[in-house]
Amino acid sequence: MTKAELIADIAGQAGLSKAETGRIVDAFFKSISNELNEKGKITLTGFGTFTVAERAARTGRNPQTGKPMEIKASRTVKFKPGKGLKDAI
């Protein structure tokens, strides 16, 4: 499902226009990004938990040449589904 399909689906279910729903979805995504950047965790009861994980620097291999290369430390987002989502699937 693309973002446009998500907006259309939500607009249909909520009886809102696609433009209004698009602004709501954008605000929702921005709120999630800001909160993860500031506090590192969001829990949506019944849906799941988003957390920020730190990845340490490590040595990897270039798949084309096979030569070792350094991979920088980074941050990534992890998602753990909640019971409601697991049961729905």
PDB file of N, CA and C in Angstrom:
ATOM      1  N   MET A   1       0.849  -1.173   0.000  1.00  0.00           N
ATOM      2  CA  MET A   1       0.000   0.000   0.000  1.00  0.00           C
ATOM      3  C   MET A   1       0.894   1.235   0.000  1.00  0.00           C
ATOM      4  N   THR A   2       0.609   2.142  -0.882  1.00  0.00           N
ATOM      5  CA  THR A   2       1.363   3.394  -0.950  1.00  0.00           C
ATOM      6  C   THR A   2       0.714   4.431  -0.040  1.00  0.00           C
ATOM      7  N   LYS A   3       1.416   5.545   0.151  1.00  0.00           N
ATOM      8  CA  LYS A   3       0.873   6.621   0.973  1.00  0.00           C
ATOM      9  C   LYS A   3      -0.434   7.142   0.375  1.00  0.00           C
ATOM     10  N   ALA A   4      -0.498   7.289  -0.940  1.00  0.00           N
ATOM     11  CA  ALA A   4      -1.717   7.768  -1.603  1.00  0.00           C
ATOM     12  C   ALA A   4      -2.876   6.798  -1.391  1.00  0.00           C
ATOM     13  N   GLU A   5      -2.607   5.502  -1.446  1.00  0.00           N
ATOM     14  CA  GLU A   5      -3.644   4.494  -1.200  1.00  0.00           C
ATOM     15  C   GLU A   5      -4.105   4.533   0.258  1.00  0.00           C
ATOM     16  N   LEU A   6      -3.161   4.744   1.167  1.00  0.00           N
ATOM     17  CA  LEU A   6      -3.502   4.860   2.583  1.00  0.00           C
ATOM     18  C   LEU A   6      -4.411   6.065   2.815  1.00  0.00           C
ATOM     19  N   ILE A   7      -4.065   7.196   2.222  1.00  0.00           N
ATOM     20  CA  ILE A   7      -4.870   8.406   2.361  1.00  0.00           C
ATOM     21  C   ILE A   7      -6.270   8.182   1.800  1.00  0.00           C
ATOM     22  N   ALA A   8      -6.365   7.570   0.636  1.00  0.00           N
ATOM     23  CA  ALA A   8      -7.675   7.311   0.028  1.00  0.00           C
ATOM     24  C   ALA A   8      -8.512   6.382   0.898  1.00  0.00           C
ATOM     25  N   ASP A   9      -7.894   5.351   1.469  1.00  0.00           N
ATOM     26  CA  ASP A   9      -8.611   4.407   2.322  1.00  0.00           C
ATOM     27  C   ASP A   9      -9.126   5.090   3.585  1.00  0.00           C
ATOM     28  N   ILE A  10      -8.265   5.863   4.242  1.00  0.00           N
ATOM     29  CA  ILE A  10      -8.670   6.565   5.462  1.00  0.00           C
ATOM     30  C   ILE A  10      -9.763   7.584   5.149  1.00  0.00           C
ATOM     31  N   ALA A  11      -9.617   8.313   4.039  1.00  0.00           N
ATOM     32  CA  ALA A  11     -10.624   9.308   3.656  1.00  0.00           C
ATOM     33  C   ALA A  11     -11.976   8.644   3.453  1.00  0.00           C
ATOM     34  N   GLY A  12     -11.993   7.494   2.823  1.00  0.00           N
ATOM     35  CA  GLY A  12     -13.240   6.769   2.594  1.00  0.00           C
ATOM     36  C   GLY A  12     -13.883   6.294   3.885  1.00  0.00           C
ATOM     37  N   GLN A  13     -13.058   5.773   4.805  1.00  0.00           N
ATOM     38  CA  GLN A  13     -13.587   5.266   6.071  1.00  0.00           C
ATOM     39  C   GLN A  13     -14.079   6.385   6.985  1.00  0.00           C
ATOM     40  N   ALA A  14     -13.386   7.536   6.945  1.00  0.00           N
ATOM     41  CA  ALA A  14     -13.723   8.629   7.861  1.00  0.00           C
ATOM     42  C   ALA A  14     -14.697   9.644   7.256  1.00  0.00           C
ATOM     43  N   GLY A  15     -14.953   9.525   5.955  1.00  0.00           N
ATOM     44  CA  GLY A  15     -15.848  10.470   5.304  1.00  0.00           C
ATOM     45  C   GLY A  15     -15.250  11.858   5.158  1.00  0.00           C
ATOM     46  N   LEU A  16     -13.918  11.920   4.993  1.00  0.00           N
ATOM     47  CA  LEU A  16     -13.209  13.188   4.823  1.00  0.00           C
ATOM     48  C   LEU A  16     -12.704  13.307   3.399  1.00  0.00           C
ATOM     49  N   SER A  17     -12.300  14.517   3.015  1.00  0.00           N
ATOM     50  CA  SER A  17     -11.712  14.696   1.690  1.00  0.00           C
ATOM     51  C   SER A  17     -10.282  14.140   1.692  1.00  0.00           C
ATOM     52  N   LYS A  18      -9.793  13.807   0.507  1.00  0.00           N
ATOM     53  CA  LYS A  18      -8.422  13.286   0.403  1.00  0.00           C
ATOM     54  C   LYS A  18      -7.407  14.349   0.798  1.00  0.00           C
ATOM     55  N   ALA A  19      -7.665  15.612   0.468  1.00  0.00           N
ATOM     56  CA  ALA A  19      -6.732  16.690   0.816  1.00  0.00           C
ATOM     57  C   ALA A  19      -6.624  16.842   2.332  1.00  0.00           C
ATOM     58  N   GLU A  20      -7.760  16.841   3.000  1.00  0.00           N
ATOM     59  CA  GLU A  20      -7.770  16.970   4.458  1.00  0.00           C
ATOM     60  C   GLU A  20      -7.099  15.760   5.110  1.00  0.00           C
ATOM     61  N   THR A  21      -7.414  14.596   4.613  1.00  0.00           N
ATOM     62  CA  THR A  21      -6.816  13.370   5.140  1.00  0.00           C
ATOM     63  C   THR A  21      -5.312  13.356   4.893  1.00  0.00           C
ATOM     64  N   GLY A  22      -4.877  13.861   3.742  1.00  0.00           N
ATOM     65  CA  GLY A  22      -3.443  13.939   3.437  1.00  0.00           C
ATOM     66  C   GLY A  22      -2.709  14.800   4.449  1.00  0.00           C
ATOM     67  N   ARG A  23      -3.299  15.927   4.828  1.00  0.00           N
ATOM     68  CA  ARG A  23      -2.684  16.803   5.833  1.00  0.00           C
ATOM     69  C   ARG A  23      -2.622  16.111   7.191  1.00  0.00           C
ATOM     70  N   ILE A  24      -3.665  15.362   7.526  1.00  0.00           N
ATOM     71  CA  ILE A  24      -3.688  14.634   8.802  1.00  0.00           C
ATOM     72  C   ILE A  24      -2.610  13.552   8.815  1.00  0.00           C
ATOM     73  N   VAL A  25      -2.503  12.794   7.741  1.00  0.00           N
ATOM     74  CA  VAL A  25      -1.497  11.724   7.660  1.00  0.00           C
ATOM     75  C   VAL A  25      -0.085  12.318   7.716  1.00  0.00           C
ATOM     76  N   ASP A  26       0.142  13.423   7.011  1.00  0.00           N
ATOM     77  CA  ASP A  26       1.454  14.082   7.060  1.00  0.00           C
ATOM     78  C   ASP A  26       1.780  14.547   8.476  1.00  0.00           C
ATOM     79  N   ALA A  27       0.800  15.120   9.168  1.00  0.00           N
ATOM     80  CA  ALA A  27       1.011  15.571  10.548  1.00  0.00           C
ATOM     81  C   ALA A  27       1.304  14.383  11.464  1.00  0.00           C
ATOM     82  N   PHE A  28       0.607  13.261  11.238  1.00  0.00           N
ATOM     83  CA  PHE A  28       0.831  12.049  12.027  1.00  0.00           C
ATOM     84  C   PHE A  28       2.265  11.540  11.846  1.00  0.00           C
ATOM     85  N   PHE A  29       2.712  11.455  10.598  1.00  0.00           N
ATOM     86  CA  PHE A  29       4.078  11.000  10.321  1.00  0.00           C
ATOM     87  C   PHE A  29       5.112  11.940  10.928  1.00  0.00           C
ATOM     88  N   LYS A  30       4.863  13.232  10.835  1.00  0.00           N
ATOM     89  CA  LYS A  30       5.790  14.218  11.394  1.00  0.00           C
ATOM     90  C   LYS A  30       5.856  14.093  12.912  1.00  0.00           C
ATOM     91  N   SER A  31       4.703  13.891  13.559  1.00  0.00           N
ATOM     92  CA  SER A  31       4.670  13.718  15.012  1.00  0.00           C
ATOM     93  C   SER A  31       5.465  12.481  15.435  1.00  0.00           C
ATOM     94  N   ILE A  32       5.302  11.385  14.704  1.00  0.00           N
ATOM     95  CA  ILE A  32       6.056  10.165  15.010  1.00  0.00           C
ATOM     96  C   ILE A  32       7.553  10.419  14.861  1.00  0.00           C
ATOM     97  N   SER A  33       7.958  11.050  13.770  1.00  0.00           N
ATOM     98  CA  SER A  33       9.383  11.326  13.538  1.00  0.00           C
ATOM     99  C   SER A  33       9.966  12.204  14.637  1.00  0.00           C
ATOM    100  N   ASN A  34       9.239  13.262  14.985  1.00  0.00           N
ATOM    101  CA  ASN A  34       9.731  14.173  16.024  1.00  0.00           C
ATOM    102  C   ASN A  34       9.866  13.475  17.372  1.00  0.00           C
ATOM    103  N   GLU A  35       8.874  12.698  17.740  1.00  0.00           N
ATOM    104  CA  GLU A  35       8.901  12.014  19.030  1.00  0.00           C
ATOM    105  C   GLU A  35      10.026  10.980  19.090  1.00  0.00           C
ATOM    106  N   LEU A  36      10.226  10.231  18.006  1.00  0.00           N
ATOM    107  CA  LEU A  36      11.321   9.258  17.982  1.00  0.00           C
ATOM    108  C   LEU A  36      12.666   9.956  18.070  1.00  0.00           C
ATOM    109  N   ASN A  37      12.790  11.106  17.425  1.00  0.00           N
ATOM    110  CA  ASN A  37      14.040  11.859  17.460  1.00  0.00           C
ATOM    111  C   ASN A  37      14.312  12.411  18.855  1.00  0.00           C
ATOM    112  N   GLU A  38      13.259  12.848  19.563  1.00  0.00           N
ATOM    113  CA  GLU A  38      13.431  13.445  20.883  1.00  0.00           C
ATOM    114  C   GLU A  38      13.526  12.412  22.003  1.00  0.00           C
ATOM    115  N   LYS A  39      12.593  11.466  22.044  1.00  0.00           N
ATOM    116  CA  LYS A  39      12.527  10.535  23.176  1.00  0.00           C
ATOM    117  C   LYS A  39      12.875   9.103  22.817  1.00  0.00           C
ATOM    118  N   GLY A  40      12.792   8.735  21.561  1.00  0.00           N
ATOM    119  CA  GLY A  40      13.217   7.407  21.138  1.00  0.00           C
ATOM    120  C   GLY A  40      12.218   6.283  21.285  1.00  0.00           C
ATOM    121  N   LYS A  41      10.958   6.583  21.673  1.00  0.00           N
ATOM    122  CA  LYS A  41       9.994   5.497  21.831  1.00  0.00           C
ATOM    123  C   LYS A  41       8.568   6.025  21.688  1.00  0.00           C
ATOM    124  N   ILE A  42       7.750   5.270  20.961  1.00  0.00           N
ATOM    125  CA  ILE A  42       6.316   5.564  20.834  1.00  0.00           C
ATOM    126  C   ILE A  42       5.576   4.251  21.012  1.00  0.00           C
ATOM    127  N   THR A  43       4.594   4.242  21.911  1.00  0.00           N
ATOM    128  CA  THR A  43       3.772   3.063  22.126  1.00  0.00           C
ATOM    129  C   THR A  43       2.344   3.382  21.731  1.00  0.00           C
ATOM    130  N   LEU A  44       1.813   2.644  20.779  1.00  0.00           N
ATOM    131  CA  LEU A  44       0.415   2.753  20.364  1.00  0.00           C
ATOM    132  C   LEU A  44      -0.257   1.465  20.818  1.00  0.00           C
ATOM    133  N   THR A  45      -0.934   1.546  21.954  1.00  0.00           N
ATOM    134  CA  THR A  45      -1.525   0.367  22.575  1.00  0.00           C
ATOM    135  C   THR A  45      -2.420  -0.390  21.594  1.00  0.00           C
ATOM    136  N   GLY A  46      -2.190  -1.684  21.505  1.00  0.00           N
ATOM    137  CA  GLY A  46      -2.951  -2.539  20.609  1.00  0.00           C
ATOM    138  C   GLY A  46      -2.367  -2.615  19.209  1.00  0.00           C
ATOM    139  N   PHE A  47      -1.524  -1.636  18.855  1.00  0.00           N
ATOM    140  CA  PHE A  47      -0.929  -1.630  17.519  1.00  0.00           C
ATOM    141  C   PHE A  47       0.532  -2.049  17.574  1.00  0.00           C
ATOM    142  N   GLY A  48       1.334  -1.355  18.394  1.00  0.00           N
ATOM    143  CA  GLY A  48       2.732  -1.726  18.508  1.00  0.00           C
ATOM    144  C   GLY A  48       3.574  -0.615  19.083  1.00  0.00           C
ATOM    145  N   THR A  49       4.889  -0.869  19.141  1.00  0.00           N
ATOM    146  CA  THR A  49       5.841   0.066  19.710  1.00  0.00           C
ATOM    147  C   THR A  49       6.965   0.333  18.713  1.00  0.00           C
ATOM    148  N   PHE A  50       7.245   1.617  18.503  1.00  0.00           N
ATOM    149  CA  PHE A  50       8.373   2.051  17.688  1.00  0.00           C
ATOM    150  C   PHE A  50       9.488   2.473  18.640  1.00  0.00           C
ATOM    151  N   THR A  51      10.700   2.007  18.409  1.00  0.00           N
ATOM    152  CA  THR A  51      11.841   2.419  19.217  1.00  0.00           C
ATOM    153  C   THR A  51      13.016   2.744  18.309  1.00  0.00           C
ATOM    154  N   VAL A  52      13.928   3.559  18.834  1.00  0.00           N
ATOM    155  CA  VAL A  52      15.150   3.895  18.109  1.00  0.00           C
ATOM    156  C   VAL A  52      16.248   2.989  18.633  1.00  0.00           C
ATOM    157  N   ALA A  53      16.961   2.351  17.733  1.00  0.00           N
ATOM    158  CA  ALA A  53      18.065   1.462  18.108  1.00  0.00           C
ATOM    159  C   ALA A  53      19.371   2.026  17.548  1.00  0.00           C
ATOM    160  N   GLU A  54      20.412   1.892  18.329  1.00  0.00           N
ATOM    161  CA  GLU A  54      21.740   2.333  17.907  1.00  0.00           C
ATOM    162  C   GLU A  54      22.476   1.147  17.290  1.00  0.00           C
ATOM    163  N   ARG A  55      23.057   1.376  16.134  1.00  0.00           N
ATOM    164  CA  ARG A  55      23.890   0.346  15.500  1.00  0.00           C
ATOM    165  C   ARG A  55      25.341   0.781  15.625  1.00  0.00           C
ATOM    166  N   ALA A  56      26.171  -0.088  16.143  1.00  0.00           N
ATOM    167  CA  ALA A  56      27.587   0.219  16.319  1.00  0.00           C
ATOM    168  C   ALA A  56      28.307   0.191  14.972  1.00  0.00           C
ATOM    169  N   ALA A  57      29.430   0.885  14.906  1.00  0.00           N
ATOM    170  CA  ALA A  57      30.264   0.823  13.708  1.00  0.00           C
ATOM    171  C   ALA A  57      30.781  -0.606  13.567  1.00  0.00           C
ATOM    172  N   ARG A  58      30.933  -1.047  12.335  1.00  0.00           N
ATOM    173  CA  ARG A  58      31.391  -2.412  12.115  1.00  0.00           C
ATOM    174  C   ARG A  58      32.097  -2.520  10.771  1.00  0.00           C
ATOM    175  N   THR A  59      32.744  -3.644  10.585  1.00  0.00           N
ATOM    176  CA  THR A  59      33.419  -3.910   9.321  1.00  0.00           C
ATOM    177  C   THR A  59      32.532  -4.816   8.480  1.00  0.00           C
ATOM    178  N   GLY A  60      32.298  -4.421   7.250  1.00  0.00           N
ATOM    179  CA  GLY A  60      31.509  -5.225   6.324  1.00  0.00           C
ATOM    180  C   GLY A  60      32.331  -5.535   5.084  1.00  0.00           C
ATOM    181  N   ARG A  61      31.689  -6.084   4.087  1.00  0.00           N
ATOM    182  CA  ARG A  61      32.374  -6.395   2.834  1.00  0.00           C
ATOM    183  C   ARG A  61      31.624  -5.776   1.673  1.00  0.00           C
ATOM    184  N   ASN A  62      32.369  -5.218   0.738  1.00  0.00           N
ATOM    185  CA  ASN A  62      31.782  -4.702  -0.487  1.00  0.00           C
ATOM    186  C   ASN A  62      31.333  -5.918  -1.306  1.00  0.00           C
ATOM    187  N   PRO A  63      30.055  -6.039  -1.627  1.00  0.00           N
ATOM    188  CA  PRO A  63      29.592  -7.238  -2.328  1.00  0.00           C
ATOM    189  C   PRO A  63      30.153  -7.378  -3.744  1.00  0.00           C
ATOM    190  N   GLN A  64      30.562  -6.274  -4.359  1.00  0.00           N
ATOM    191  CA  GLN A  64      31.101  -6.361  -5.718  1.00  0.00           C
ATOM    192  C   GLN A  64      32.558  -6.772  -5.740  1.00  0.00           C
ATOM    193  N   THR A  65      33.356  -6.229  -4.791  1.00  0.00           N
ATOM    194  CA  THR A  65      34.792  -6.514  -4.811  1.00  0.00           C
ATOM    195  C   THR A  65      35.227  -7.497  -3.732  1.00  0.00           C
ATOM    196  N   GLY A  66      34.422  -7.642  -2.694  1.00  0.00           N
ATOM    197  CA  GLY A  66      34.784  -8.518  -1.596  1.00  0.00           C
ATOM    198  C   GLY A  66      35.736  -7.877  -0.606  1.00  0.00           C
ATOM    199  N   LYS A  67      36.132  -6.621  -0.845  1.00  0.00           N
ATOM    200  CA  LYS A  67      37.066  -5.937   0.044  1.00  0.00           C
ATOM    201  C   LYS A  67      36.355  -5.495   1.327  1.00  0.00           C
ATOM    202  N   PRO A  68      37.077  -5.570   2.444  1.00  0.00           N
ATOM    203  CA  PRO A  68      36.490  -5.086   3.700  1.00  0.00           C
ATOM    204  C   PRO A  68      36.273  -3.570   3.654  1.00  0.00           C
ATOM    205  N   MET A  69      35.225  -3.117   4.326  1.00  0.00           N
ATOM    206  CA  MET A  69      34.979  -1.681   4.400  1.00  0.00           C
ATOM    207  C   MET A  69      34.340  -1.359   5.740  1.00  0.00           C
ATOM    208  N   GLU A  70      34.559  -0.140   6.203  1.00  0.00           N
ATOM    209  CA  GLU A  70      34.002   0.292   7.473  1.00  0.00           C
ATOM    210  C   GLU A  70      32.584   0.815   7.267  1.00  0.00           C
ATOM    211  N   ILE A  71      31.658   0.362   8.082  1.00  0.00           N
ATOM    212  CA  ILE A  71      30.278   0.844   8.072  1.00  0.00           C
ATOM    213  C   ILE A  71      30.114   1.704   9.315  1.00  0.00           C
ATOM    214  N   LYS A  72      29.691   2.943   9.119  1.00  0.00           N
ATOM    215  CA  LYS A  72      29.576   3.898  10.218  1.00  0.00           C
ATOM    216  C   LYS A  72      28.473   3.496  11.192  1.00  0.00           C
ATOM    217  N   ALA A  73      28.594   3.973  12.426  1.00  0.00           N
ATOM    218  CA  ALA A  73      27.536   3.797  13.417  1.00  0.00           C
ATOM    219  C   ALA A  73      26.310   4.576  12.939  1.00  0.00           C
ATOM    220  N   SER A  74      25.119   4.071  13.246  1.00  0.00           N
ATOM    221  CA  SER A  74      23.899   4.741  12.801  1.00  0.00           C
ATOM    222  C   SER A  74      22.755   4.454  13.764  1.00  0.00           C
ATOM    223  N   ARG A  75      21.673   5.167  13.547  1.00  0.00           N
ATOM    224  CA  ARG A  75      20.447   4.949  14.308  1.00  0.00           C
ATOM    225  C   ARG A  75      19.385   4.444  13.344  1.00  0.00           C
ATOM    226  N   THR A  76      18.531   3.556  13.835  1.00  0.00           N
ATOM    227  CA  THR A  76      17.471   3.014  13.013  1.00  0.00           C
ATOM    228  C   THR A  76      16.206   2.851  13.853  1.00  0.00           C
ATOM    229  N   VAL A  77      15.092   2.686  13.198  1.00  0.00           N
ATOM    230  CA  VAL A  77      13.819   2.510  13.892  1.00  0.00           C
ATOM    231  C   VAL A  77      13.437   1.033  13.868  1.00  0.00           C
ATOM    232  N   LYS A  78      13.035   0.535  15.021  1.00  0.00           N
ATOM    233  CA  LYS A  78      12.542  -0.838  15.126  1.00  0.00           C
ATOM    234  C   LYS A  78      11.075  -0.788  15.508  1.00  0.00           C
ATOM    235  N   PHE A  79      10.322  -1.789  15.060  1.00  0.00           N
ATOM    236  CA  PHE A  79       8.895  -1.874  15.367  1.00  0.00           C
ATOM    237  C   PHE A  79       8.584  -3.242  15.942  1.00  0.00           C
ATOM    238  N   LYS A  80       7.882  -3.240  17.065  1.00  0.00           N
ATOM    239  CA  LYS A  80       7.427  -4.491  17.672  1.00  0.00           C
ATOM    240  C   LYS A  80       5.904  -4.451  17.674  1.00  0.00           C
ATOM    241  N   PRO A  81       5.250  -5.352  16.933  1.00  0.00           N
ATOM    242  CA  PRO A  81       3.785  -5.325  16.870  1.00  0.00           C
ATOM    243  C   PRO A  81       3.159  -5.665  18.212  1.00  0.00           C
ATOM    244  N   GLY A  82       2.018  -5.030  18.478  1.00  0.00           N
ATOM    245  CA  GLY A  82       1.274  -5.291  19.696  1.00  0.00           C
ATOM    246  C   GLY A  82       0.323  -6.470  19.530  1.00  0.00           C
ATOM    247  N   LYS A  83      -0.300  -6.867  20.619  1.00  0.00           N
ATOM    248  CA  LYS A  83      -1.193  -8.028  20.601  1.00  0.00           C
ATOM    249  C   LYS A  83      -2.361  -7.844  19.641  1.00  0.00           C
ATOM    250  N   GLY A  84      -2.954  -6.647  19.600  1.00  0.00           N
ATOM    251  CA  GLY A  84      -4.082  -6.406  18.711  1.00  0.00           C
ATOM    252  C   GLY A  84      -3.724  -6.599  17.246  1.00  0.00           C
ATOM    253  N   LEU A  85      -2.547  -6.109  16.864  1.00  0.00           N
ATOM    254  CA  LEU A  85      -2.099  -6.259  15.481  1.00  0.00           C
ATOM    255  C   LEU A  85      -1.757  -7.721  15.173  1.00  0.00           C
ATOM    256  N   LYS A  86      -1.096  -8.377  16.105  1.00  0.00           N
ATOM    257  CA  LYS A  86      -0.765  -9.792  15.901  1.00  0.00           C
ATOM    258  C   LYS A  86      -2.022 -10.640  15.722  1.00  0.00           C
ATOM    259  N   ASP A  87      -3.017 -10.368  16.573  1.00  0.00           N
ATOM    260  CA  ASP A  87      -4.262 -11.133  16.486  1.00  0.00           C
ATOM    261  C   ASP A  87      -5.009 -10.860  15.184  1.00  0.00           C
ATOM    262  N   ALA A  88      -4.925  -9.628  14.678  1.00  0.00           N
ATOM    263  CA  ALA A  88      -5.609  -9.270  13.452  1.00  0.00           C
ATOM    264  C   ALA A  88      -4.988  -9.939  12.227  1.00  0.00           C
ATOM    265  N   ILE A  89      -3.712 -10.232  12.322  1.00  0.00           N
ATOM    266  CA  ILE A  89      -3.005 -10.850  11.210  1.00  0.00           C
ATOM    267  C   ILE A  89      -2.992 -12.345  11.392  1.00  0.00           C
TER     268      ILE A  89
END
